[in-house]
Amino acid sequence: MSTRKGDNSAFPYSALAPDEQTSQLVGSMYLDSTGLTQRAYIATKAMQAIVSNPALVDVFSNGTTELASRRAIEIADAMLAALEQQS
């Protein structure tokens, strides 16, 4: 189980699990995908917003992609912290 905020899968899913004796699909089993984490997904969306608007690139990053990337991660961390406080 992850300990850092945002390390959970952005797209977890449930699936039927095979019964060990009959091999028939029964019940429901939670599976955690190995794709993007919640933090990476939110940062990706923030980065998309920043780079799609030239004015935001200048505001958030002084025109450099490295700084824009850092800002996107900071936005993701802030959003995860806010969501954590609400629960």
N, C-alpha and C. Protein backbone atom coordinates (compact mmCIF):
# COMPACT_ATOMS: atom_id res chain seq x y z
N MET A 1 0.84 -1.18 0.00
CA MET A 1 0.00 0.00 0.00
C MET A 1 0.89 1.25 0.00
N SER A 2 0.53 2.24 -0.72
CA SER A 2 1.34 3.43 -0.82
C SER A 2 1.19 4.30 0.43
N THR A 3 2.24 5.03 0.74
CA THR A 3 2.21 5.90 1.91
C THR A 3 2.22 7.36 1.53
N ARG A 4 2.73 7.69 0.36
CA ARG A 4 2.80 9.08 -0.07
C ARG A 4 1.51 9.49 -0.74
N LYS A 5 1.05 10.71 -0.44
CA LYS A 5 -0.18 11.18 -1.06
C LYS A 5 -0.04 11.20 -2.58
N GLY A 6 -1.08 10.78 -3.25
CA GLY A 6 -1.06 10.80 -4.70
C GLY A 6 -0.39 9.62 -5.35
N ASP A 7 0.12 8.66 -4.55
CA ASP A 7 0.77 7.49 -5.13
C ASP A 7 -0.22 6.42 -5.56
N ASN A 8 -1.48 6.56 -5.16
CA ASN A 8 -2.50 5.60 -5.59
C ASN A 8 -2.72 5.74 -7.09
N SER A 9 -3.23 4.68 -7.68
CA SER A 9 -3.49 4.69 -9.12
C SER A 9 -4.54 5.73 -9.48
N ALA A 10 -4.35 6.40 -10.58
CA ALA A 10 -5.34 7.36 -11.07
C ALA A 10 -6.55 6.64 -11.64
N PHE A 11 -6.37 5.41 -12.06
CA PHE A 11 -7.45 4.65 -12.69
C PHE A 11 -7.55 3.23 -12.12
N PRO A 12 -7.87 3.10 -10.82
CA PRO A 12 -8.03 1.75 -10.27
C PRO A 12 -9.29 1.10 -10.84
N TYR A 13 -9.40 -0.18 -10.75
CA TYR A 13 -10.59 -0.86 -11.27
C TYR A 13 -10.88 -2.11 -10.47
N SER A 14 -12.08 -2.59 -10.58
CA SER A 14 -12.50 -3.84 -9.95
C SER A 14 -12.72 -4.88 -11.02
N ALA A 15 -12.52 -6.12 -10.66
CA ALA A 15 -12.73 -7.20 -11.63
C ALA A 15 -13.22 -8.43 -10.88
N LEU A 16 -13.81 -9.33 -11.61
CA LEU A 16 -14.23 -10.60 -11.03
C LEU A 16 -12.99 -11.48 -10.85
N ALA A 17 -12.94 -12.19 -9.73
CA ALA A 17 -11.80 -13.05 -9.45
C ALA A 17 -12.18 -14.50 -9.73
N PRO A 18 -11.27 -15.29 -10.29
CA PRO A 18 -11.59 -16.69 -10.54
C PRO A 18 -11.60 -17.50 -9.24
N ASP A 19 -12.61 -18.33 -9.07
CA ASP A 19 -12.67 -19.25 -7.94
C ASP A 19 -11.55 -20.28 -8.13
N GLU A 20 -10.78 -20.54 -7.09
CA GLU A 20 -9.62 -21.42 -7.21
C GLU A 20 -10.01 -22.86 -7.56
N GLN A 21 -11.17 -23.30 -7.10
CA GLN A 21 -11.56 -24.69 -7.35
C GLN A 21 -12.28 -24.87 -8.69
N THR A 22 -13.15 -23.95 -9.06
CA THR A 22 -13.95 -24.13 -10.27
C THR A 22 -13.49 -23.28 -11.45
N SER A 23 -12.63 -22.34 -11.20
CA SER A 23 -12.13 -21.39 -12.22
C SER A 23 -13.23 -20.49 -12.78
N GLN A 24 -14.42 -20.51 -12.16
CA GLN A 24 -15.48 -19.60 -12.58
C GLN A 24 -15.25 -18.22 -11.95
N LEU A 25 -15.64 -17.19 -12.69
CA LEU A 25 -15.48 -15.84 -12.18
C LEU A 25 -16.56 -15.55 -11.15
N VAL A 26 -16.14 -15.19 -9.96
CA VAL A 26 -17.08 -14.91 -8.87
C VAL A 26 -16.59 -13.71 -8.07
N GLY A 27 -17.53 -13.08 -7.35
CA GLY A 27 -17.17 -11.99 -6.46
C GLY A 27 -16.52 -10.83 -7.17
N SER A 28 -15.98 -9.94 -6.40
CA SER A 28 -15.31 -8.77 -6.96
C SER A 28 -14.00 -8.58 -6.22
N MET A 29 -12.99 -8.28 -6.96
CA MET A 29 -11.67 -8.09 -6.39
C MET A 29 -11.15 -6.73 -6.83
N TYR A 30 -10.63 -5.96 -5.91
CA TYR A 30 -10.08 -4.64 -6.25
C TYR A 30 -8.68 -4.82 -6.81
N LEU A 31 -8.46 -4.25 -7.95
CA LEU A 31 -7.14 -4.29 -8.58
C LEU A 31 -6.63 -2.88 -8.75
N ASP A 32 -5.38 -2.68 -8.50
CA ASP A 32 -4.78 -1.37 -8.65
C ASP A 32 -3.93 -1.40 -9.91
N SER A 33 -4.26 -0.56 -10.87
CA SER A 33 -3.50 -0.58 -12.13
C SER A 33 -2.11 -0.03 -11.90
N THR A 34 -1.24 -0.29 -12.82
CA THR A 34 0.15 0.15 -12.69
C THR A 34 0.43 1.38 -13.55
N GLY A 35 -0.62 2.05 -14.00
CA GLY A 35 -0.45 3.22 -14.85
C GLY A 35 -0.11 4.47 -14.06
N LEU A 36 -0.61 5.59 -14.50
CA LEU A 36 -0.33 6.86 -13.85
C LEU A 36 -0.82 6.89 -12.40
N THR A 37 -0.04 7.56 -11.56
CA THR A 37 -0.51 7.80 -10.20
C THR A 37 -1.46 9.01 -10.23
N GLN A 38 -2.19 9.20 -9.15
CA GLN A 38 -3.06 10.37 -9.06
C GLN A 38 -2.24 11.65 -9.20
N ARG A 39 -1.09 11.69 -8.56
CA ARG A 39 -0.22 12.88 -8.60
C ARG A 39 0.24 13.16 -10.03
N ALA A 40 0.66 12.12 -10.74
CA ALA A 40 1.13 12.29 -12.11
C ALA A 40 -0.02 12.73 -13.03
N TYR A 41 -1.19 12.17 -12.80
CA TYR A 41 -2.35 12.53 -13.64
C TYR A 41 -2.72 14.00 -13.45
N ILE A 42 -2.78 14.44 -12.19
CA ILE A 42 -3.13 15.84 -11.92
C ILE A 42 -2.04 16.77 -12.46
N ALA A 43 -0.77 16.39 -12.28
CA ALA A 43 0.33 17.21 -12.80
C ALA A 43 0.27 17.29 -14.33
N THR A 44 -0.10 16.20 -14.97
CA THR A 44 -0.22 16.18 -16.43
C THR A 44 -1.30 17.16 -16.88
N LYS A 45 -2.44 17.16 -16.19
CA LYS A 45 -3.52 18.09 -16.53
C LYS A 45 -3.09 19.53 -16.29
N ALA A 46 -2.38 19.78 -15.19
CA ALA A 46 -1.90 21.13 -14.90
C ALA A 46 -0.90 21.58 -15.97
N MET A 47 0.00 20.69 -16.36
CA MET A 47 0.99 21.01 -17.39
C MET A 47 0.29 21.31 -18.71
N GLN A 48 -0.74 20.53 -19.03
CA GLN A 48 -1.49 20.77 -20.26
C GLN A 48 -2.11 22.17 -20.26
N ALA A 49 -2.66 22.57 -19.12
CA ALA A 49 -3.26 23.90 -19.02
C ALA A 49 -2.20 24.99 -19.16
N ILE A 50 -1.04 24.77 -18.54
CA ILE A 50 0.02 25.78 -18.58
C ILE A 50 0.54 25.96 -20.01
N VAL A 51 0.86 24.86 -20.70
CA VAL A 51 1.47 24.99 -22.03
C VAL A 51 0.47 25.36 -23.12
N SER A 52 -0.82 25.17 -22.84
CA SER A 52 -1.80 25.52 -23.86
C SER A 52 -2.09 27.02 -23.90
N ASN A 53 -1.61 27.73 -22.92
CA ASN A 53 -1.85 29.17 -22.84
C ASN A 53 -0.50 29.88 -22.67
N PRO A 54 -0.01 30.55 -23.71
CA PRO A 54 1.30 31.20 -23.62
C PRO A 54 1.43 32.18 -22.45
N ALA A 55 0.33 32.82 -22.07
CA ALA A 55 0.39 33.74 -20.94
C ALA A 55 0.69 32.98 -19.64
N LEU A 56 0.12 31.79 -19.51
CA LEU A 56 0.38 31.00 -18.31
C LEU A 56 1.81 30.48 -18.28
N VAL A 57 2.37 30.16 -19.44
CA VAL A 57 3.76 29.71 -19.49
C VAL A 57 4.65 30.79 -18.89
N ASP A 58 4.40 32.04 -19.26
CA ASP A 58 5.21 33.14 -18.72
C ASP A 58 4.97 33.35 -17.23
N VAL A 59 3.73 33.26 -16.80
CA VAL A 59 3.39 33.49 -15.39
C VAL A 59 3.97 32.38 -14.50
N PHE A 60 3.82 31.12 -14.93
CA PHE A 60 4.21 30.00 -14.10
C PHE A 60 5.65 29.57 -14.27
N SER A 61 6.32 29.98 -15.34
CA SER A 61 7.61 29.36 -15.59
C SER A 61 8.68 30.27 -16.19
N ASN A 62 8.41 31.53 -16.36
CA ASN A 62 9.37 32.41 -17.03
C ASN A 62 9.79 31.88 -18.39
N GLY A 63 8.89 31.14 -19.02
CA GLY A 63 9.13 30.66 -20.38
C GLY A 63 9.93 29.39 -20.51
N THR A 64 10.31 28.73 -19.41
CA THR A 64 11.09 27.50 -19.53
C THR A 64 10.24 26.29 -19.18
N THR A 65 10.44 25.22 -19.92
CA THR A 65 9.64 24.01 -19.69
C THR A 65 10.00 23.33 -18.37
N GLU A 66 11.24 23.42 -17.93
CA GLU A 66 11.61 22.81 -16.66
C GLU A 66 10.84 23.45 -15.51
N LEU A 67 10.77 24.78 -15.52
CA LEU A 67 10.01 25.46 -14.47
C LEU A 67 8.52 25.19 -14.60
N ALA A 68 8.02 25.08 -15.82
CA ALA A 68 6.60 24.76 -16.02
C ALA A 68 6.30 23.38 -15.45
N SER A 69 7.22 22.45 -15.64
CA SER A 69 7.04 21.10 -15.09
C SER A 69 7.01 21.13 -13.57
N ARG A 70 7.91 21.87 -12.98
CA ARG A 70 7.93 21.99 -11.52
C ARG A 70 6.65 22.62 -11.00
N ARG A 71 6.17 23.65 -11.68
CA ARG A 71 4.92 24.30 -11.27
C ARG A 71 3.74 23.34 -11.36
N ALA A 72 3.71 22.52 -12.40
CA ALA A 72 2.63 21.55 -12.56
C ALA A 72 2.61 20.56 -11.40
N ILE A 73 3.79 20.13 -10.97
CA ILE A 73 3.89 19.21 -9.83
C ILE A 73 3.46 19.92 -8.55
N GLU A 74 3.84 21.17 -8.39
CA GLU A 74 3.42 21.94 -7.21
C GLU A 74 1.90 22.09 -7.18
N ILE A 75 1.30 22.32 -8.34
CA ILE A 75 -0.16 22.43 -8.42
C ILE A 75 -0.81 21.10 -8.04
N ALA A 76 -0.25 20.00 -8.53
CA ALA A 76 -0.79 18.67 -8.20
C ALA A 76 -0.69 18.41 -6.70
N ASP A 77 0.45 18.74 -6.10
CA ASP A 77 0.62 18.53 -4.66
C ASP A 77 -0.36 19.39 -3.86
N ALA A 78 -0.58 20.62 -4.31
CA ALA A 78 -1.53 21.51 -3.62
C ALA A 78 -2.94 20.95 -3.73
N MET A 79 -3.30 20.44 -4.89
CA MET A 79 -4.64 19.89 -5.05
C MET A 79 -4.84 18.65 -4.19
N LEU A 80 -3.85 17.77 -4.15
CA LEU A 80 -3.94 16.57 -3.32
C LEU A 80 -4.03 16.93 -1.84
N ALA A 81 -3.29 17.94 -1.42
CA ALA A 81 -3.35 18.39 -0.02
C ALA A 81 -4.73 18.93 0.30
N ALA A 82 -5.30 19.71 -0.61
CA ALA A 82 -6.64 20.27 -0.39
C ALA A 82 -7.69 19.16 -0.32
N LEU A 83 -7.56 18.17 -1.19
CA LEU A 83 -8.49 17.04 -1.18
C LEU A 83 -8.36 16.23 0.11
N GLU A 84 -7.15 16.10 0.59
CA GLU A 84 -6.89 15.36 1.83
C GLU A 84 -7.53 16.07 3.02
N GLN A 85 -7.49 17.39 3.04
CA GLN A 85 -8.08 18.17 4.13
C GLN A 85 -9.59 18.07 4.14
N GLN A 86 -10.20 17.90 2.98
CA GLN A 86 -11.66 17.82 2.89
C GLN A 86 -12.21 16.48 3.37
N SER A 87 -11.38 15.45 3.32
CA SER A 87 -11.90 14.13 3.70
C SER A 87 -11.75 13.86 5.19
